[in-house]
PDB file of N, CA and C in Angstrom:
ATOM      1  N   UNK A   1     -58.239 -32.046 -44.206  1.00  0.00           N
ATOM      2  CA  UNK A   1     -57.872 -31.127 -43.153  1.00  0.00           C
ATOM      3  C   UNK A   1     -56.715 -31.676 -42.309  1.00  0.00           C
ATOM      4  N   UNK A   2     -56.683 -32.972 -42.122  1.00  0.00           N
ATOM      5  CA  UNK A   2     -55.627 -33.598 -41.344  1.00  0.00           C
ATOM      6  C   UNK A   2     -54.279 -33.487 -42.046  1.00  0.00           C
ATOM      7  N   UNK A   3     -54.276 -33.571 -43.377  1.00  0.00           N
ATOM      8  CA  UNK A   3     -53.029 -33.447 -44.136  1.00  0.00           C
ATOM      9  C   UNK A   3     -52.431 -32.063 -43.980  1.00  0.00           C
ATOM     10  N   UNK A   4     -53.286 -31.040 -43.871  1.00  0.00           N
ATOM     11  CA  UNK A   4     -52.805 -29.674 -43.660  1.00  0.00           C
ATOM     12  C   UNK A   4     -52.155 -29.528 -42.294  1.00  0.00           C
ATOM     13  N   UNK A   5     -52.770 -30.137 -41.281  1.00  0.00           N
ATOM     14  CA  UNK A   5     -52.207 -30.079 -39.927  1.00  0.00           C
ATOM     15  C   UNK A   5     -50.848 -30.756 -39.866  1.00  0.00           C
ATOM     16  N   UNK A   6     -50.699 -31.875 -40.600  1.00  0.00           N
ATOM     17  CA  UNK A   6     -49.414 -32.569 -40.602  1.00  0.00           C
ATOM     18  C   UNK A   6     -48.342 -31.751 -41.298  1.00  0.00           C
ATOM     19  N   UNK A   7     -48.712 -30.986 -42.311  1.00  0.00           N
ATOM     20  CA  UNK A   7     -47.743 -30.149 -43.007  1.00  0.00           C
ATOM     21  C   UNK A   7     -47.315 -28.971 -42.150  1.00  0.00           C
ATOM     22  N   UNK A   8     -48.198 -28.479 -41.276  1.00  0.00           N
ATOM     23  CA  UNK A   8     -47.870 -27.326 -40.439  1.00  0.00           C
ATOM     24  C   UNK A   8     -47.086 -27.721 -39.202  1.00  0.00           C
ATOM     25  N   UNK A   9     -47.187 -28.965 -38.755  1.00  0.00           N
ATOM     26  CA  UNK A   9     -46.524 -29.403 -37.533  1.00  0.00           C
ATOM     27  C   UNK A   9     -45.008 -29.234 -37.575  1.00  0.00           C
ATOM     28  N   UNK A  10     -44.292 -29.631 -38.649  1.00  0.00           N
ATOM     29  CA  UNK A  10     -42.847 -29.425 -38.664  1.00  0.00           C
ATOM     30  C   UNK A  10     -42.457 -27.951 -38.554  1.00  0.00           C
ATOM     31  N   UNK A  11     -43.260 -27.056 -39.122  1.00  0.00           N
ATOM     32  CA  UNK A  11     -42.950 -25.632 -39.017  1.00  0.00           C
ATOM     33  C   UNK A  11     -43.050 -25.161 -37.582  1.00  0.00           C
ATOM     34  N   UNK A  12     -44.063 -25.645 -36.858  1.00  0.00           N
ATOM     35  CA  UNK A  12     -44.223 -25.274 -35.462  1.00  0.00           C
ATOM     36  C   UNK A  12     -43.041 -25.764 -34.641  1.00  0.00           C
ATOM     37  N   UNK A  13     -42.636 -27.022 -34.834  1.00  0.00           N
ATOM     38  CA  UNK A  13     -41.498 -27.557 -34.110  1.00  0.00           C
ATOM     39  C   UNK A  13     -40.210 -26.828 -34.487  1.00  0.00           C
ATOM     40  N   UNK A  14     -40.067 -26.512 -35.751  1.00  0.00           N
ATOM     41  CA  UNK A  14     -38.903 -25.770 -36.213  1.00  0.00           C
ATOM     42  C   UNK A  14     -38.833 -24.418 -35.508  1.00  0.00           C
ATOM     43  N   UNK A  15     -39.983 -23.770 -35.348  1.00  0.00           N
ATOM     44  CA  UNK A  15     -40.045 -22.476 -34.681  1.00  0.00           C
ATOM     45  C   UNK A  15     -39.632 -22.595 -33.216  1.00  0.00           C
ATOM     46  N   UNK A  16     -40.102 -23.638 -32.535  1.00  0.00           N
ATOM     47  CA  UNK A  16     -39.730 -23.863 -31.139  1.00  0.00           C
ATOM     48  C   UNK A  16     -38.229 -24.100 -31.025  1.00  0.00           C
ATOM     49  N   UNK A  17     -37.696 -24.851 -31.941  1.00  0.00           N
ATOM     50  CA  UNK A  17     -36.270 -25.167 -31.931  1.00  0.00           C
ATOM     51  C   UNK A  17     -35.423 -23.904 -32.111  1.00  0.00           C
ATOM     52  N   UNK A  18     -35.867 -23.017 -32.960  1.00  0.00           N
ATOM     53  CA  UNK A  18     -35.158 -21.749 -33.163  1.00  0.00           C
ATOM     54  C   UNK A  18     -35.176 -20.930 -31.885  1.00  0.00           C
ATOM     55  N   UNK A  19     -36.318 -20.897 -31.199  1.00  0.00           N
ATOM     56  CA  UNK A  19     -36.413 -20.137 -29.946  1.00  0.00           C
ATOM     57  C   UNK A  19     -35.523 -20.739 -28.857  1.00  0.00           C
ATOM     58  N   UNK A  20     -35.494 -22.055 -28.768  1.00  0.00           N
ATOM     59  CA  UNK A  20     -34.621 -22.705 -27.783  1.00  0.00           C
ATOM     60  C   UNK A  20     -33.166 -22.404 -28.101  1.00  0.00           C
ATOM     61  N   UNK A  21     -32.811 -22.453 -29.374  1.00  0.00           N
ATOM     62  CA  UNK A  21     -31.432 -22.184 -29.779  1.00  0.00           C
ATOM     63  C   UNK A  21     -31.004 -20.778 -29.387  1.00  0.00           C
ATOM     64  N   UNK A  22     -31.816 -19.785 -29.712  1.00  0.00           N
ATOM     65  CA  UNK A  22     -31.422 -18.396 -29.421  1.00  0.00           C
ATOM     66  C   UNK A  22     -31.449 -18.099 -27.924  1.00  0.00           C
ATOM     67  N   UNK A  23     -32.475 -18.594 -27.230  1.00  0.00           N
ATOM     68  CA  UNK A  23     -32.554 -18.327 -25.790  1.00  0.00           C
ATOM     69  C   UNK A  23     -31.431 -19.030 -25.035  1.00  0.00           C
ATOM     70  N   UNK A  24     -31.094 -20.253 -25.420  1.00  0.00           N
ATOM     71  CA  UNK A  24     -30.022 -20.985 -24.746  1.00  0.00           C
ATOM     72  C   UNK A  24     -28.676 -20.302 -24.942  1.00  0.00           C
ATOM     73  N   UNK A  25     -28.431 -19.846 -26.161  1.00  0.00           N
ATOM     74  CA  UNK A  25     -27.164 -19.156 -26.425  1.00  0.00           C
ATOM     75  C   UNK A  25     -27.068 -17.876 -25.597  1.00  0.00           C
ATOM     76  N   UNK A  26     -28.167 -17.156 -25.485  1.00  0.00           N
ATOM     77  CA  UNK A  26     -28.164 -15.934 -24.671  1.00  0.00           C
ATOM     78  C   UNK A  26     -27.961 -16.239 -23.195  1.00  0.00           C
ATOM     79  N   UNK A  27     -28.569 -17.318 -22.721  1.00  0.00           N
ATOM     80  CA  UNK A  27     -28.454 -17.654 -21.306  1.00  0.00           C
ATOM     81  C   UNK A  27     -27.055 -18.144 -20.934  1.00  0.00           C
ATOM     82  N   UNK A  28     -26.330 -18.733 -21.869  1.00  0.00           N
ATOM     83  CA  UNK A  28     -24.925 -19.080 -21.606  1.00  0.00           C
ATOM     84  C   UNK A  28     -24.157 -17.796 -21.289  1.00  0.00           C
ATOM     85  N   UNK A  29     -24.389 -16.766 -22.084  1.00  0.00           N
ATOM     86  CA  UNK A  29     -23.737 -15.475 -21.830  1.00  0.00           C
ATOM     87  C   UNK A  29     -24.143 -14.872 -20.505  1.00  0.00           C
ATOM     88  N   UNK A  30     -25.413 -14.981 -20.155  1.00  0.00           N
ATOM     89  CA  UNK A  30     -25.889 -14.457 -18.871  1.00  0.00           C
ATOM     90  C   UNK A  30     -25.217 -15.186 -17.718  1.00  0.00           C
ATOM     91  N   UNK A  31     -25.152 -16.510 -17.811  1.00  0.00           N
ATOM     92  CA  UNK A  31     -24.505 -17.291 -16.744  1.00  0.00           C
ATOM     93  C   UNK A  31     -23.034 -16.913 -16.585  1.00  0.00           C
ATOM     94  N   UNK A  32     -22.342 -16.764 -17.693  1.00  0.00           N
ATOM     95  CA  UNK A  32     -20.921 -16.390 -17.624  1.00  0.00           C
ATOM     96  C   UNK A  32     -20.745 -14.994 -17.040  1.00  0.00           C
ATOM     97  N   UNK A  33     -21.632 -14.075 -17.366  1.00  0.00           N
ATOM     98  CA  UNK A  33     -21.567 -12.720 -16.810  1.00  0.00           C
ATOM     99  C   UNK A  33     -21.778 -12.747 -15.302  1.00  0.00           C
ATOM    100  N   UNK A  34     -22.774 -13.497 -14.854  1.00  0.00           N
ATOM    101  CA  UNK A  34     -23.044 -13.566 -13.415  1.00  0.00           C
ATOM    102  C   UNK A  34     -21.904 -14.269 -12.682  1.00  0.00           C
ATOM    103  N   UNK A  35     -21.297 -15.274 -13.296  1.00  0.00           N
ATOM    104  CA  UNK A  35     -20.128 -15.914 -12.676  1.00  0.00           C
ATOM    105  C   UNK A  35     -19.022 -14.880 -12.471  1.00  0.00           C
ATOM    106  N   UNK A  36     -18.784 -14.046 -13.474  1.00  0.00           N
ATOM    107  CA  UNK A  36     -17.771 -12.997 -13.344  1.00  0.00           C
ATOM    108  C   UNK A  36     -18.102 -12.019 -12.241  1.00  0.00           C
ATOM    109  N   UNK A  37     -19.352 -11.621 -12.139  1.00  0.00           N
ATOM    110  CA  UNK A  37     -19.770 -10.687 -11.082  1.00  0.00           C
ATOM    111  C   UNK A  37     -19.610 -11.326  -9.710  1.00  0.00           C
ATOM    112  N   UNK A  38     -19.990 -12.592  -9.583  1.00  0.00           N
ATOM    113  CA  UNK A  38     -19.842 -13.279  -8.293  1.00  0.00           C
ATOM    114  C   UNK A  38     -18.373 -13.394  -7.913  1.00  0.00           C
ATOM    115  N   UNK A  39     -17.516 -13.680  -8.878  1.00  0.00           N
ATOM    116  CA  UNK A  39     -16.092 -13.785  -8.571  1.00  0.00           C
ATOM    117  C   UNK A  39     -15.534 -12.445  -8.091  1.00  0.00           C
ATOM    118  N   UNK A  40     -16.016 -11.336  -8.647  1.00  0.00           N
ATOM    119  CA  UNK A  40     -15.589 -10.015  -8.181  1.00  0.00           C
ATOM    120  C   UNK A  40     -16.064  -9.789  -6.755  1.00  0.00           C
ATOM    121  N   UNK A  41     -17.309 -10.134  -6.471  1.00  0.00           N
ATOM    122  CA  UNK A  41     -17.846  -9.973  -5.114  1.00  0.00           C
ATOM    123  C   UNK A  41     -17.076 -10.843  -4.130  1.00  0.00           C
ATOM    124  N   UNK A  42     -16.762 -12.065  -4.534  1.00  0.00           N
ATOM    125  CA  UNK A  42     -16.011 -12.968  -3.653  1.00  0.00           C
ATOM    126  C   UNK A  42     -14.624 -12.406  -3.373  1.00  0.00           C
ATOM    127  N   UNK A  43     -13.984 -11.842  -4.391  1.00  0.00           N
ATOM    128  CA  UNK A  43     -12.635 -11.312  -4.170  1.00  0.00           C
ATOM    129  C   UNK A  43     -12.664 -10.068  -3.279  1.00  0.00           C
ATOM    130  N   UNK A  44     -13.757  -9.318  -3.291  1.00  0.00           N
ATOM    131  CA  UNK A  44     -13.856  -8.128  -2.448  1.00  0.00           C
ATOM    132  C   UNK A  44     -14.307  -8.452  -1.032  1.00  0.00           C
ATOM    133  N   UNK A  45     -15.235  -9.369  -0.898  1.00  0.00           N
ATOM    134  CA  UNK A  45     -15.840  -9.644   0.411  1.00  0.00           C
ATOM    135  C   UNK A  45     -15.313 -10.909   1.065  1.00  0.00           C
ATOM    136  N   UNK A  46     -14.641 -11.760   0.336  1.00  0.00           N
ATOM    137  CA  UNK A  46     -14.024 -13.007   0.791  1.00  0.00           C
ATOM    138  C   UNK A  46     -14.981 -14.151   1.163  1.00  0.00           C
ATOM    139  N   UNK A  47     -16.300 -14.048   1.027  1.00  0.00           N
ATOM    140  CA  UNK A  47     -17.106 -15.255   1.304  1.00  0.00           C
ATOM    141  C   UNK A  47     -17.189 -16.096   0.041  1.00  0.00           C
ATOM    142  N   UNK A  48     -16.649 -17.284   0.083  1.00  0.00           N
ATOM    143  CA  UNK A  48     -16.703 -18.155  -1.086  1.00  0.00           C
ATOM    144  C   UNK A  48     -18.045 -18.875  -1.085  1.00  0.00           C
ATOM    145  N   UNK A  49     -18.822 -18.679  -2.125  1.00  0.00           N
ATOM    146  CA  UNK A  49     -20.139 -19.304  -2.200  1.00  0.00           C
ATOM    147  C   UNK A  49     -20.155 -20.341  -3.319  1.00  0.00           C
ATOM    148  N   UNK A  50     -21.109 -21.217  -3.229  1.00  0.00           N
ATOM    149  CA  UNK A  50     -21.256 -22.324  -4.162  1.00  0.00           C
ATOM    150  C   UNK A  50     -21.990 -21.886  -5.432  1.00  0.00           C
ATOM    151  N   UNK A  51     -22.506 -20.666  -5.454  1.00  0.00           N
ATOM    152  CA  UNK A  51     -23.322 -20.178  -6.560  1.00  0.00           C
ATOM    153  C   UNK A  51     -22.604 -20.146  -7.894  1.00  0.00           C
ATOM    154  N   UNK A  52     -21.322 -19.807  -7.898  1.00  0.00           N
ATOM    155  CA  UNK A  52     -20.603 -19.753  -9.176  1.00  0.00           C
ATOM    156  C   UNK A  52     -20.421 -21.146  -9.770  1.00  0.00           C
ATOM    157  N   UNK A  53     -20.285 -22.147  -8.916  1.00  0.00           N
ATOM    158  CA  UNK A  53     -20.198 -23.523  -9.416  1.00  0.00           C
ATOM    159  C   UNK A  53     -21.536 -23.977 -10.010  1.00  0.00           C
ATOM    160  N   UNK A  54     -22.624 -23.621  -9.329  1.00  0.00           N
ATOM    161  CA  UNK A  54     -23.947 -23.954  -9.850  1.00  0.00           C
ATOM    162  C   UNK A  54     -24.204 -23.251 -11.178  1.00  0.00           C
ATOM    163  N   UNK A  55     -23.749 -22.012 -11.286  1.00  0.00           N
ATOM    164  CA  UNK A  55     -23.929 -21.276 -12.540  1.00  0.00           C
ATOM    165  C   UNK A  55     -23.102 -21.874 -13.673  1.00  0.00           C
ATOM    166  N   UNK A  56     -21.945 -22.404 -13.361  1.00  0.00           N
ATOM    167  CA  UNK A  56     -21.135 -23.066 -14.387  1.00  0.00           C
ATOM    168  C   UNK A  56     -21.854 -24.311 -14.908  1.00  0.00           C
ATOM    169  N   UNK A  57     -22.453 -25.073 -14.007  1.00  0.00           N
ATOM    170  CA  UNK A  57     -23.251 -26.230 -14.421  1.00  0.00           C
ATOM    171  C   UNK A  57     -24.446 -25.765 -15.251  1.00  0.00           C
ATOM    172  N   UNK A  58     -25.060 -24.686 -14.812  1.00  0.00           N
ATOM    173  CA  UNK A  58     -26.201 -24.117 -15.522  1.00  0.00           C
ATOM    174  C   UNK A  58     -25.818 -23.701 -16.943  1.00  0.00           C
ATOM    175  N   UNK A  59     -24.673 -23.069 -17.078  1.00  0.00           N
ATOM    176  CA  UNK A  59     -24.206 -22.647 -18.405  1.00  0.00           C
ATOM    177  C   UNK A  59     -23.975 -23.861 -19.305  1.00  0.00           C
ATOM    178  N   UNK A  60     -23.450 -24.951 -18.736  1.00  0.00           N
ATOM    179  CA  UNK A  60     -23.240 -26.169 -19.524  1.00  0.00           C
ATOM    180  C   UNK A  60     -24.570 -26.767 -19.988  1.00  0.00           C
ATOM    181  N   UNK A  61     -25.598 -26.708 -19.139  1.00  0.00           N
ATOM    182  CA  UNK A  61     -26.917 -27.210 -19.538  1.00  0.00           C
ATOM    183  C   UNK A  61     -27.505 -26.368 -20.668  1.00  0.00           C
ATOM    184  N   UNK A  62     -27.378 -25.038 -20.550  1.00  0.00           N
ATOM    185  CA  UNK A  62     -27.855 -24.176 -21.633  1.00  0.00           C
ATOM    186  C   UNK A  62     -27.068 -24.432 -22.919  1.00  0.00           C
ATOM    187  N   UNK A  63     -25.770 -24.645 -22.796  1.00  0.00           N
ATOM    188  CA  UNK A  63     -24.960 -24.941 -23.973  1.00  0.00           C
ATOM    189  C   UNK A  63     -25.400 -26.259 -24.614  1.00  0.00           C
ATOM    190  N   UNK A  64     -25.670 -27.261 -23.788  1.00  0.00           N
ATOM    191  CA  UNK A  64     -26.147 -28.543 -24.321  1.00  0.00           C
ATOM    192  C   UNK A  64     -27.490 -28.366 -25.038  1.00  0.00           C
ATOM    193  N   UNK A  65     -28.400 -27.591 -24.448  1.00  0.00           N
ATOM    194  CA  UNK A  65     -29.692 -27.324 -25.101  1.00  0.00           C
ATOM    195  C   UNK A  65     -29.492 -26.592 -26.419  1.00  0.00           C
ATOM    196  N   UNK A  66     -28.561 -25.665 -26.433  1.00  0.00           N
ATOM    197  CA  UNK A  66     -28.258 -24.909 -27.646  1.00  0.00           C
ATOM    198  C   UNK A  66     -27.707 -25.831 -28.733  1.00  0.00           C
ATOM    199  N   UNK A  67     -26.780 -26.702 -28.379  1.00  0.00           N
ATOM    200  CA  UNK A  67     -26.184 -27.605 -29.357  1.00  0.00           C
ATOM    201  C   UNK A  67     -27.180 -28.640 -29.885  1.00  0.00           C
ATOM    202  N   UNK A  68     -28.018 -29.167 -28.994  1.00  0.00           N
ATOM    203  CA  UNK A  68     -29.014 -30.145 -29.428  1.00  0.00           C
ATOM    204  C   UNK A  68     -30.050 -29.486 -30.330  1.00  0.00           C
ATOM    205  N   UNK A  69     -30.470 -28.266 -30.000  1.00  0.00           N
ATOM    206  CA  UNK A  69     -31.438 -27.584 -30.861  1.00  0.00           C
ATOM    207  C   UNK A  69     -30.806 -27.227 -32.209  1.00  0.00           C
ATOM    208  N   UNK A  70     -29.539 -26.888 -32.219  1.00  0.00           N
ATOM    209  CA  UNK A  70     -28.852 -26.633 -33.484  1.00  0.00           C
ATOM    210  C   UNK A  70     -28.789 -27.911 -34.328  1.00  0.00           C
ATOM    211  N   UNK A  71     -28.509 -29.026 -33.670  1.00  0.00           N
ATOM    212  CA  UNK A  71     -28.474 -30.303 -34.364  1.00  0.00           C
ATOM    213  C   UNK A  71     -29.851 -30.622 -34.951  1.00  0.00           C
ATOM    214  N   UNK A  72     -30.900 -30.314 -34.173  1.00  0.00           N
ATOM    215  CA  UNK A  72     -32.263 -30.550 -34.667  1.00  0.00           C
ATOM    216  C   UNK A  72     -32.569 -29.664 -35.875  1.00  0.00           C
ATOM    217  N   UNK A  73     -32.069 -28.460 -35.873  1.00  0.00           N
ATOM    218  CA  UNK A  73     -32.291 -27.565 -37.015  1.00  0.00           C
ATOM    219  C   UNK A  73     -31.569 -28.075 -38.257  1.00  0.00           C
ATOM    220  N   UNK A  74     -30.447 -28.725 -38.076  1.00  0.00           N
ATOM    221  CA  UNK A  74     -29.625 -29.169 -39.204  1.00  0.00           C
ATOM    222  C   UNK A  74     -30.024 -30.542 -39.758  1.00  0.00           C
ATOM    223  N   UNK A  75     -30.734 -31.344 -38.969  1.00  0.00           N
ATOM    224  CA  UNK A  75     -31.059 -32.692 -39.425  1.00  0.00           C
ATOM    225  C   UNK A  75     -32.196 -32.671 -40.447  1.00  0.00           C
ATOM    226  N   UNK A  76     -32.173 -33.632 -41.337  1.00  0.00           N
ATOM    227  CA  UNK A  76     -33.208 -33.750 -42.368  1.00  0.00           C
ATOM    228  C   UNK A  76     -34.186 -34.884 -42.053  1.00  0.00           C
ATOM    229  N   UNK A  77     -33.837 -35.752 -41.129  1.00  0.00           N
ATOM    230  CA  UNK A  77     -34.688 -36.861 -40.738  1.00  0.00           C
ATOM    231  C   UNK A  77     -35.754 -36.339 -39.768  1.00  0.00           C
ATOM    232  N   UNK A  78     -37.018 -36.449 -40.154  1.00  0.00           N
ATOM    233  CA  UNK A  78     -38.106 -35.880 -39.359  1.00  0.00           C
ATOM    234  C   UNK A  78     -38.226 -36.546 -37.994  1.00  0.00           C
ATOM    235  N   UNK A  79     -38.060 -37.864 -37.946  1.00  0.00           N
ATOM    236  CA  UNK A  79     -38.160 -38.567 -36.663  1.00  0.00           C
ATOM    237  C   UNK A  79     -37.034 -38.153 -35.719  1.00  0.00           C
ATOM    238  N   UNK A  80     -35.811 -38.069 -36.233  1.00  0.00           N
ATOM    239  CA  UNK A  80     -34.674 -37.618 -35.427  1.00  0.00           C
ATOM    240  C   UNK A  80     -34.886 -36.171 -34.990  1.00  0.00           C
ATOM    241  N   UNK A  81     -35.436 -35.371 -35.883  1.00  0.00           N
ATOM    242  CA  UNK A  81     -35.704 -33.967 -35.573  1.00  0.00           C
ATOM    243  C   UNK A  81     -36.626 -33.843 -34.370  1.00  0.00           C
ATOM    244  N   UNK A  82     -37.691 -34.630 -34.337  1.00  0.00           N
ATOM    245  CA  UNK A  82     -38.634 -34.570 -33.216  1.00  0.00           C
ATOM    246  C   UNK A  82     -37.989 -35.022 -31.913  1.00  0.00           C
ATOM    247  N   UNK A  83     -37.174 -36.073 -31.973  1.00  0.00           N
ATOM    248  CA  UNK A  83     -36.478 -36.531 -30.757  1.00  0.00           C
ATOM    249  C   UNK A  83     -35.501 -35.481 -30.257  1.00  0.00           C
ATOM    250  N   UNK A  84     -34.750 -34.875 -31.157  1.00  0.00           N
ATOM    251  CA  UNK A  84     -33.787 -33.849 -30.756  1.00  0.00           C
ATOM    252  C   UNK A  84     -34.489 -32.615 -30.202  1.00  0.00           C
ATOM    253  N   UNK A  85     -35.587 -32.234 -30.816  1.00  0.00           N
ATOM    254  CA  UNK A  85     -36.339 -31.090 -30.306  1.00  0.00           C
ATOM    255  C   UNK A  85     -36.862 -31.350 -28.899  1.00  0.00           C
ATOM    256  N   UNK A  86     -37.355 -32.558 -28.678  1.00  0.00           N
ATOM    257  CA  UNK A  86     -37.844 -32.928 -27.347  1.00  0.00           C
ATOM    258  C   UNK A  86     -36.694 -32.892 -26.342  1.00  0.00           C
ATOM    259  N   UNK A  87     -35.535 -33.405 -26.745  1.00  0.00           N
ATOM    260  CA  UNK A  87     -34.373 -33.369 -25.857  1.00  0.00           C
ATOM    261  C   UNK A  87     -33.907 -31.957 -25.559  1.00  0.00           C
ATOM    262  N   UNK A  88     -33.894 -31.113 -26.583  1.00  0.00           N
ATOM    263  CA  UNK A  88     -33.508 -29.715 -26.374  1.00  0.00           C
ATOM    264  C   UNK A  88     -34.494 -29.016 -25.459  1.00  0.00           C
ATOM    265  N   UNK A  89     -35.762 -29.322 -25.619  1.00  0.00           N
ATOM    266  CA  UNK A  89     -36.798 -28.723 -24.779  1.00  0.00           C
ATOM    267  C   UNK A  89     -36.623 -29.132 -23.322  1.00  0.00           C
ATOM    268  N   UNK A  90     -36.359 -30.413 -23.086  1.00  0.00           N
ATOM    269  CA  UNK A  90     -36.155 -30.897 -21.718  1.00  0.00           C
ATOM    270  C   UNK A  90     -34.904 -30.265 -21.109  1.00  0.00           C
ATOM    271  N   UNK A  91     -33.813 -30.242 -21.855  1.00  0.00           N
ATOM    272  CA  UNK A  91     -32.578 -29.629 -21.349  1.00  0.00           C
ATOM    273  C   UNK A  91     -32.788 -28.162 -21.010  1.00  0.00           C
ATOM    274  N   UNK A  92     -33.501 -27.456 -21.881  1.00  0.00           N
ATOM    275  CA  UNK A  92     -33.754 -26.036 -21.643  1.00  0.00           C
ATOM    276  C   UNK A  92     -34.596 -25.828 -20.391  1.00  0.00           C
ATOM    277  N   UNK A  93     -35.620 -26.645 -20.195  1.00  0.00           N
ATOM    278  CA  UNK A  93     -36.471 -26.497 -19.010  1.00  0.00           C
ATOM    279  C   UNK A  93     -35.723 -26.851 -17.728  1.00  0.00           C
ATOM    280  N   UNK A  94     -34.858 -27.854 -17.781  1.00  0.00           N
ATOM    281  CA  UNK A  94     -34.040 -28.189 -16.611  1.00  0.00           C
ATOM    282  C   UNK A  94     -33.094 -27.037 -16.284  1.00  0.00           C
ATOM    283  N   UNK A  95     -32.468 -26.476 -17.318  1.00  0.00           N
ATOM    284  CA  UNK A  95     -31.555 -25.351 -17.105  1.00  0.00           C
ATOM    285  C   UNK A  95     -32.304 -24.130 -16.583  1.00  0.00           C
ATOM    286  N   UNK A  96     -33.499 -23.897 -17.082  1.00  0.00           N
ATOM    287  CA  UNK A  96     -34.303 -22.771 -16.623  1.00  0.00           C
ATOM    288  C   UNK A  96     -34.694 -22.933 -15.158  1.00  0.00           C
ATOM    289  N   UNK A  97     -35.033 -24.162 -14.767  1.00  0.00           N
ATOM    290  CA  UNK A  97     -35.338 -24.438 -13.364  1.00  0.00           C
ATOM    291  C   UNK A  97     -34.105 -24.230 -12.498  1.00  0.00           C
ATOM    292  N   UNK A  98     -32.955 -24.689 -12.967  1.00  0.00           N
ATOM    293  CA  UNK A  98     -31.720 -24.493 -12.218  1.00  0.00           C
ATOM    294  C   UNK A  98     -31.369 -23.010 -12.110  1.00  0.00           C
ATOM    295  N   UNK A  99     -31.730 -22.217 -13.100  1.00  0.00           N
ATOM    296  CA  UNK A  99     -31.507 -20.772 -13.030  1.00  0.00           C
ATOM    297  C   UNK A  99     -32.283 -20.173 -11.864  1.00  0.00           C
ATOM    298  N   UNK A 100     -33.534 -20.592 -11.695  1.00  0.00           N
ATOM    299  CA  UNK A 100     -34.342 -20.096 -10.574  1.00  0.00           C
ATOM    300  C   UNK A 100     -33.753 -20.542  -9.234  1.00  0.00           C
ATOM    301  N   UNK A 101     -33.287 -21.781  -9.167  1.00  0.00           N
ATOM    302  CA  UNK A 101     -32.649 -22.280  -7.944  1.00  0.00           C
ATOM    303  C   UNK A 101     -31.378 -21.486  -7.661  1.00  0.00           C
ATOM    304  N   UNK A 102     -30.581 -21.228  -8.700  1.00  0.00           N
ATOM    305  CA  UNK A 102     -29.355 -20.439  -8.536  1.00  0.00           C
ATOM    306  C   UNK A 102     -29.662 -19.038  -8.043  1.00  0.00           C
ATOM    307  N   UNK A 103     -30.686 -18.421  -8.601  1.00  0.00           N
ATOM    308  CA  UNK A 103     -31.037 -17.062  -8.181  1.00  0.00           C
ATOM    309  C   UNK A 103     -31.420 -17.031  -6.706  1.00  0.00           C
ATOM    310  N   UNK A 104     -32.200 -18.014  -6.276  1.00  0.00           N
ATOM    311  CA  UNK A 104     -32.585 -18.084  -4.871  1.00  0.00           C
ATOM    312  C   UNK A 104     -31.362 -18.336  -3.986  1.00  0.00           C
ATOM    313  N   UNK A 105     -30.492 -19.233  -4.411  1.00  0.00           N
ATOM    314  CA  UNK A 105     -29.304 -19.537  -3.618  1.00  0.00           C
ATOM    315  C   UNK A 105     -28.367 -18.338  -3.517  1.00  0.00           C
ATOM    316  N   UNK A 106     -28.157 -17.642  -4.615  1.00  0.00           N
ATOM    317  CA  UNK A 106     -27.282 -16.469  -4.609  1.00  0.00           C
ATOM    318  C   UNK A 106     -27.864 -15.366  -3.731  1.00  0.00           C
ATOM    319  N   UNK A 107     -29.172 -15.156  -3.850  1.00  0.00           N
ATOM    320  CA  UNK A 107     -29.817 -14.139  -2.992  1.00  0.00           C
ATOM    321  C   UNK A 107     -29.666 -14.490  -1.528  1.00  0.00           C
ATOM    322  N   UNK A 108     -29.839 -15.768  -1.200  1.00  0.00           N
ATOM    323  CA  UNK A 108     -29.672 -16.198   0.193  1.00  0.00           C
ATOM    324  C   UNK A 108     -28.220 -16.046   0.648  1.00  0.00           C
ATOM    325  N   UNK A 109     -27.277 -16.458  -0.190  1.00  0.00           N
ATOM    326  CA  UNK A 109     -25.857 -16.403   0.183  1.00  0.00           C
ATOM    327  C   UNK A 109     -25.364 -14.977   0.350  1.00  0.00           C
ATOM    328  N   UNK A 110     -25.822 -14.079  -0.500  1.00  0.00           N
ATOM    329  CA  UNK A 110     -25.387 -12.682  -0.396  1.00  0.00           C
ATOM    330  C   UNK A 110     -26.003 -12.019   0.832  1.00  0.00           C
ATOM    331  N   UNK A 111     -27.257 -12.342   1.133  1.00  0.00           N
ATOM    332  CA  UNK A 111     -27.916 -11.713   2.297  1.00  0.00           C
ATOM    333  C   UNK A 111     -27.378 -12.249   3.615  1.00  0.00           C
ATOM    334  N   UNK A 112     -26.928 -13.495   3.665  1.00  0.00           N
ATOM    335  CA  UNK A 112     -26.396 -14.078   4.890  1.00  0.00           C
ATOM    336  C   UNK A 112     -25.030 -13.500   5.205  1.00  0.00           C
ATOM    337  N   UNK A 113     -24.191 -13.347   4.185  1.00  0.00           N
ATOM    338  CA  UNK A 113     -22.825 -12.850   4.415  1.00  0.00           C
ATOM    339  C   UNK A 113     -22.903 -11.370   4.450  1.00  0.00           C
TER     340      UNK A 113
END
């Protein structure tokens, strides 16, 4: 029974890696879209906020998670695959947390100005 569990484990990790890859790529696009919207608001209302800079950092974190998960999908070494998947997972969770912080900051900045 243990041998069966070991055979299924790489498939589970592979599945997680695919989800991180697709979600990270989508979130890069979301961050870039929101940066564009904020720049339009800034040009119309003139309050320069720090939110677009935070979103640019956020997009870079999602891009890093996307690239690391892609690397994990392409590697054939199982040990390297697990390390890369763990790294992609951590990067994705950090970027996701920063997304929530950015949303709160943007909401605060727009309501204050």
